PDB file of N, CA and C in Angstrom:
ATOM      1  N   LEU A   1      -0.730  -6.287   6.873  1.00  0.00           N
ATOM      2  CA  LEU A   1      -0.519  -4.922   7.334  1.00  0.00           C
ATOM      3  C   LEU A   1      -1.293  -4.518   8.661  1.00  0.00           C
ATOM      4  N   PHE A   2      -2.687  -5.355   8.530  1.00  0.00           N
ATOM      5  CA  PHE A   2      -3.272  -4.378   9.801  1.00  0.00           C
ATOM      6  C   PHE A   2      -2.785  -4.836  11.322  1.00  0.00           C
ATOM      7  N   ASP A   3      -1.355  -5.529  10.995  1.00  0.00           N
ATOM      8  CA  ASP A   3      -0.862  -5.396  12.466  1.00  0.00           C
ATOM      9  C   ASP A   3       0.154  -4.535  12.851  1.00  0.00           C
ATOM     10  N   MET A   4       0.629  -3.827  11.547  1.00  0.00           N
ATOM     11  CA  MET A   4       1.508  -2.718  11.705  1.00  0.00           C
ATOM     12  C   MET A   4       0.889  -1.611  11.854  1.00  0.00           C
ATOM     13  N   GLU A   5       1.683  -0.370  12.614  1.00  0.00           N
ATOM     14  CA  GLU A   5       1.393   0.803  12.885  1.00  0.00           C
ATOM     15  C   GLU A   5       0.777   1.605  11.463  1.00  0.00           C
ATOM     16  N   SER A   6       0.084   2.494  11.815  1.00  0.00           N
ATOM     17  CA  SER A   6      -0.479   3.511  10.617  1.00  0.00           C
ATOM     18  C   SER A   6       0.585   3.882  10.267  1.00  0.00           C
ATOM     19  N   LYS A   7       1.663   4.806  11.079  1.00  0.00           N
ATOM     20  CA  LYS A   7       3.224   5.031  10.445  1.00  0.00           C
ATOM     21  C   LYS A   7       3.503   4.523   9.837  1.00  0.00           C
ATOM     22  N   GLU A   8       3.666   3.669   9.590  1.00  0.00           N
ATOM     23  CA  GLU A   8       4.634   2.172   8.989  1.00  0.00           C
ATOM     24  C   GLU A   8       4.012   2.530   7.649  1.00  0.00           C
ATOM     25  N   MET A   9       2.508   1.937   7.803  1.00  0.00           N
ATOM     26  CA  MET A   9       1.545   1.809   6.592  1.00  0.00           C
ATOM     27  C   MET A   9       1.828   2.528   5.491  1.00  0.00           C
ATOM     28  N   ARG A  10       1.933   3.903   6.603  1.00  0.00           N
ATOM     29  CA  ARG A  10       2.020   5.107   5.785  1.00  0.00           C
ATOM     30  C   ARG A  10       3.292   4.969   4.368  1.00  0.00           C
ATOM     31  N   ILE A  11       3.860   5.002   5.595  1.00  0.00           N
ATOM     32  CA  ILE A  11       5.240   4.676   4.571  1.00  0.00           C
ATOM     33  C   ILE A  11       5.655   4.097   3.579  1.00  0.00           C
ATOM     34  N   ILE A  12       5.279   3.060   3.784  1.00  0.00           N
ATOM     35  CA  ILE A  12       5.107   1.736   2.971  1.00  0.00           C
ATOM     36  C   ILE A  12       4.095   2.281   1.409  1.00  0.00           C
ATOM     37  N   PHE A  13       2.931   3.031   1.809  1.00  0.00           N
ATOM     38  CA  PHE A  13       2.151   3.422   0.842  1.00  0.00           C
ATOM     39  C   PHE A  13       2.899   4.732   0.168  1.00  0.00           C
ATOM     40  N   LEU A  14       3.530   5.731   0.839  1.00  0.00           N
ATOM     41  CA  LEU A  14       4.640   6.739   0.308  1.00  0.00           C
ATOM     42  C   LEU A  14       5.127   6.136  -0.812  1.00  0.00           C
ATOM     43  N   TYR A  15       5.935   5.527  -0.174  1.00  0.00           N
ATOM     44  CA  TYR A  15       7.225   4.497  -1.186  1.00  0.00           C
ATOM     45  C   TYR A  15       6.876   4.082  -2.240  1.00  0.00           C
ATOM     46  N   GLU A  16       5.546   3.381  -2.319  1.00  0.00           N
ATOM     47  CA  GLU A  16       4.802   2.654  -3.417  1.00  0.00           C
ATOM     48  C   GLU A  16       4.705   4.346  -4.431  1.00  0.00           C
ATOM     49  N   TYR A  17       4.176   4.649  -4.123  1.00  0.00           N
ATOM     50  CA  TYR A  17       3.939   6.214  -4.906  1.00  0.00           C
ATOM     51  C   TYR A  17       4.820   6.842  -5.194  1.00  0.00           C
ATOM     52  N   LYS A  18       5.897   7.557  -4.819  1.00  0.00           N
ATOM     53  CA  LYS A  18       6.623   7.831  -4.724  1.00  0.00           C
ATOM     54  C   LYS A  18       7.949   7.481  -6.198  1.00  0.00           C
ATOM     55  N   LEU A  19       7.398   5.939  -6.380  1.00  0.00           N
ATOM     56  CA  LEU A  19       8.279   4.823  -7.380  1.00  0.00           C
ATOM     57  C   LEU A  19       7.087   5.134  -8.485  1.00  0.00           C
ATOM     58  N   ASP A  20       5.678   6.160  -8.598  1.00  0.00           N
ATOM     59  CA  ASP A  20       5.306   6.018  -9.825  1.00  0.00           C
ATOM     60  C   ASP A  20       4.457   4.986  -9.657  1.00  0.00           C
ATOM     61  N   HIS A  21       4.253   4.151  -9.080  1.00  0.00           N
ATOM     62  CA  HIS A  21       3.633   3.294  -9.296  1.00  0.00           C
ATOM     63  C   HIS A  21       1.605   3.241  -9.135  1.00  0.00           C
ATOM     64  N   SER A  22       1.158   2.197  -9.960  1.00  0.00           N
ATOM     65  CA  SER A  22      -0.102   2.788  -9.930  1.00  0.00           C
ATOM     66  C   SER A  22      -0.829   1.929  -8.527  1.00  0.00           C
ATOM     67  N   ALA A  23      -2.059   2.236  -8.239  1.00  0.00           N
ATOM     68  CA  ALA A  23      -2.556   1.718  -6.999  1.00  0.00           C
ATOM     69  C   ALA A  23      -2.790   0.202  -7.322  1.00  0.00           C
ATOM     70  N   ALA A  24      -2.833  -0.480  -7.998  1.00  0.00           N
ATOM     71  CA  ALA A  24      -3.302  -1.696  -8.455  1.00  0.00           C
ATOM     72  C   ALA A  24      -1.535  -2.487  -8.552  1.00  0.00           C
ATOM     73  N   GLU A  25      -0.926  -1.695  -8.811  1.00  0.00           N
ATOM     74  CA  GLU A  25       0.412  -2.254  -8.525  1.00  0.00           C
ATOM     75  C   GLU A  25       1.066  -2.181  -6.848  1.00  0.00           C
ATOM     76  N   ALA A  26       0.799  -1.435  -6.689  1.00  0.00           N
ATOM     77  CA  ALA A  26       1.340  -1.037  -5.137  1.00  0.00           C
ATOM     78  C   ALA A  26       0.281  -2.379  -4.657  1.00  0.00           C
ATOM     79  N   THR A  27      -0.713  -2.390  -4.941  1.00  0.00           N
ATOM     80  CA  THR A  27      -1.333  -3.233  -3.610  1.00  0.00           C
ATOM     81  C   THR A  27      -0.763  -4.729  -4.127  1.00  0.00           C
ATOM     82  N   ARG A  28      -1.014  -4.838  -5.403  1.00  0.00           N
ATOM     83  CA  ARG A  28       0.351  -6.592  -5.739  1.00  0.00           C
ATOM     84  C   ARG A  28       1.420  -5.999  -4.975  1.00  0.00           C
ATOM     85  N   ASN A  29       2.521  -5.230  -4.946  1.00  0.00           N
ATOM     86  CA  ASN A  29       3.718  -5.097  -4.503  1.00  0.00           C
ATOM     87  C   ASN A  29       3.653  -5.520  -2.997  1.00  0.00           C
ATOM     88  N   ILE A  30       2.742  -4.803  -2.257  1.00  0.00           N
ATOM     89  CA  ILE A  30       2.182  -4.747  -0.834  1.00  0.00           C
ATOM     90  C   ILE A  30       1.658  -6.106  -0.361  1.00  0.00           C
ATOM     91  N   ASN A  31       1.066  -7.315  -0.935  1.00  0.00           N
ATOM     92  CA  ASN A  31       0.332  -8.179  -0.856  1.00  0.00           C
ATOM     93  C   ASN A  31       1.352  -9.124  -0.866  1.00  0.00           C
ATOM     94  N   THR A  32       2.088  -8.998  -2.128  1.00  0.00           N
ATOM     95  CA  THR A  32       3.414 -10.313  -2.202  1.00  0.00           C
ATOM     96  C   THR A  32       4.168  -9.986  -0.877  1.00  0.00           C
ATOM     97  N   ALA A  33       4.842  -8.807  -0.756  1.00  0.00           N
ATOM     98  CA  ALA A  33       5.871  -8.663   0.357  1.00  0.00           C
ATOM     99  C   ALA A  33       5.248  -9.149   1.656  1.00  0.00           C
ATOM    100  N   PHE A  34       3.915  -8.590   1.797  1.00  0.00           N
ATOM    101  CA  PHE A  34       3.339  -8.665   3.434  1.00  0.00           C
ATOM    102  C   PHE A  34       2.397  -9.977   3.579  1.00  0.00           C
ATOM    103  N   GLY A  35       1.821 -10.403   2.668  1.00  0.00           N
ATOM    104  CA  GLY A  35       0.918 -11.797   2.505  1.00  0.00           C
ATOM    105  C   GLY A  35       0.108 -10.992   1.908  1.00  0.00           C
ATOM    106  N   GLU A  36      -1.182 -11.691   1.350  1.00  0.00           N
ATOM    107  CA  GLU A  36      -2.111 -11.896   0.410  1.00  0.00           C
ATOM    108  C   GLU A  36      -3.249 -11.266   1.162  1.00  0.00           C
ATOM    109  N   GLY A  37      -3.901 -10.480   0.800  1.00  0.00           N
ATOM    110  CA  GLY A  37      -5.092  -9.598   1.856  1.00  0.00           C
ATOM    111  C   GLY A  37      -4.150  -9.074   2.690  1.00  0.00           C
ATOM    112  N   SER A  38      -3.164  -8.394   2.660  1.00  0.00           N
ATOM    113  CA  SER A  38      -2.650  -7.276   3.674  1.00  0.00           C
ATOM    114  C   SER A  38      -3.411  -5.771   3.872  1.00  0.00           C
ATOM    115  N   VAL A  39      -3.275  -5.808   2.449  1.00  0.00           N
ATOM    116  CA  VAL A  39      -4.184  -4.129   1.903  1.00  0.00           C
ATOM    117  C   VAL A  39      -5.119  -4.303   0.640  1.00  0.00           C
ATOM    118  N   SER A  40      -5.873  -3.484   0.552  1.00  0.00           N
ATOM    119  CA  SER A  40      -6.679  -3.744  -0.262  1.00  0.00           C
ATOM    120  C   SER A  40      -6.559  -2.735  -1.313  1.00  0.00           C
ATOM    121  N   ASP A  41      -6.792  -3.254  -2.779  1.00  0.00           N
ATOM    122  CA  ASP A  41      -6.498  -1.795  -3.628  1.00  0.00           C
ATOM    123  C   ASP A  41      -7.506  -0.706  -3.723  1.00  0.00           C
ATOM    124  N   ARG A  42      -8.629  -1.116  -2.981  1.00  0.00           N
ATOM    125  CA  ARG A  42      -9.494   0.553  -2.058  1.00  0.00           C
ATOM    126  C   ARG A  42      -8.623   1.294  -1.714  1.00  0.00           C
ATOM    127  N   ILE A  43      -8.139   1.055  -0.396  1.00  0.00           N
ATOM    128  CA  ILE A  43      -7.154   1.372   0.289  1.00  0.00           C
ATOM    129  C   ILE A  43      -6.222   1.837  -0.168  1.00  0.00           C
ATOM    130  N   ILE A  44      -5.501   1.374  -0.930  1.00  0.00           N
ATOM    131  CA  ILE A  44      -4.890   2.310  -1.559  1.00  0.00           C
ATOM    132  C   ILE A  44      -4.803   3.472  -2.590  1.00  0.00           C
ATOM    133  N   ARG A  45      -5.923   2.895  -3.254  1.00  0.00           N
ATOM    134  CA  ARG A  45      -6.313   4.201  -4.348  1.00  0.00           C
ATOM    135  C   ARG A  45      -6.683   5.285  -3.471  1.00  0.00           C
ATOM    136  N   ARG A  46      -7.687   5.052  -2.204  1.00  0.00           N
ATOM    137  CA  ARG A  46      -8.117   6.360  -1.383  1.00  0.00           C
ATOM    138  C   ARG A  46      -6.546   6.978  -0.908  1.00  0.00           C
ATOM    139  N   TRP A  47      -5.619   6.582  -0.479  1.00  0.00           N
ATOM    140  CA  TRP A  47      -4.388   7.192  -0.140  1.00  0.00           C
ATOM    141  C   TRP A  47      -4.005   7.552  -1.511  1.00  0.00           C
ATOM    142  N   PHE A  48      -3.726   7.175  -2.513  1.00  0.00           N
ATOM    143  CA  PHE A  48      -2.878   8.163  -3.662  1.00  0.00           C
ATOM    144  C   PHE A  48      -3.561   9.547  -3.867  1.00  0.00           C
ATOM    145  N   GLU A  49      -5.231   8.923  -3.240  1.00  0.00           N
ATOM    146  CA  GLU A  49      -5.629  10.582  -4.139  1.00  0.00           C
ATOM    147  C   GLU A  49      -5.821  11.822  -3.586  1.00  0.00           C
ATOM    148  N   LYS A  50      -5.051  11.072  -1.928  1.00  0.00           N
ATOM    149  CA  LYS A  50      -4.645  12.547  -1.039  1.00  0.00           C
ATOM    150  C   LYS A  50      -3.183  13.051  -1.364  1.00  0.00           C
TER     151      LYS A  50
END
């Protein structure tokens, strides 16, 4: 995900959040779709807190 624009990243995070996924589940889904290490659980947790 690091090569994606932050707007695209936010859309993906929002999508996972709207599906009521936990941060851990969202991290798993994103890393499965975009490759292991694309995003960390810590980044997702921080974003979900906002």
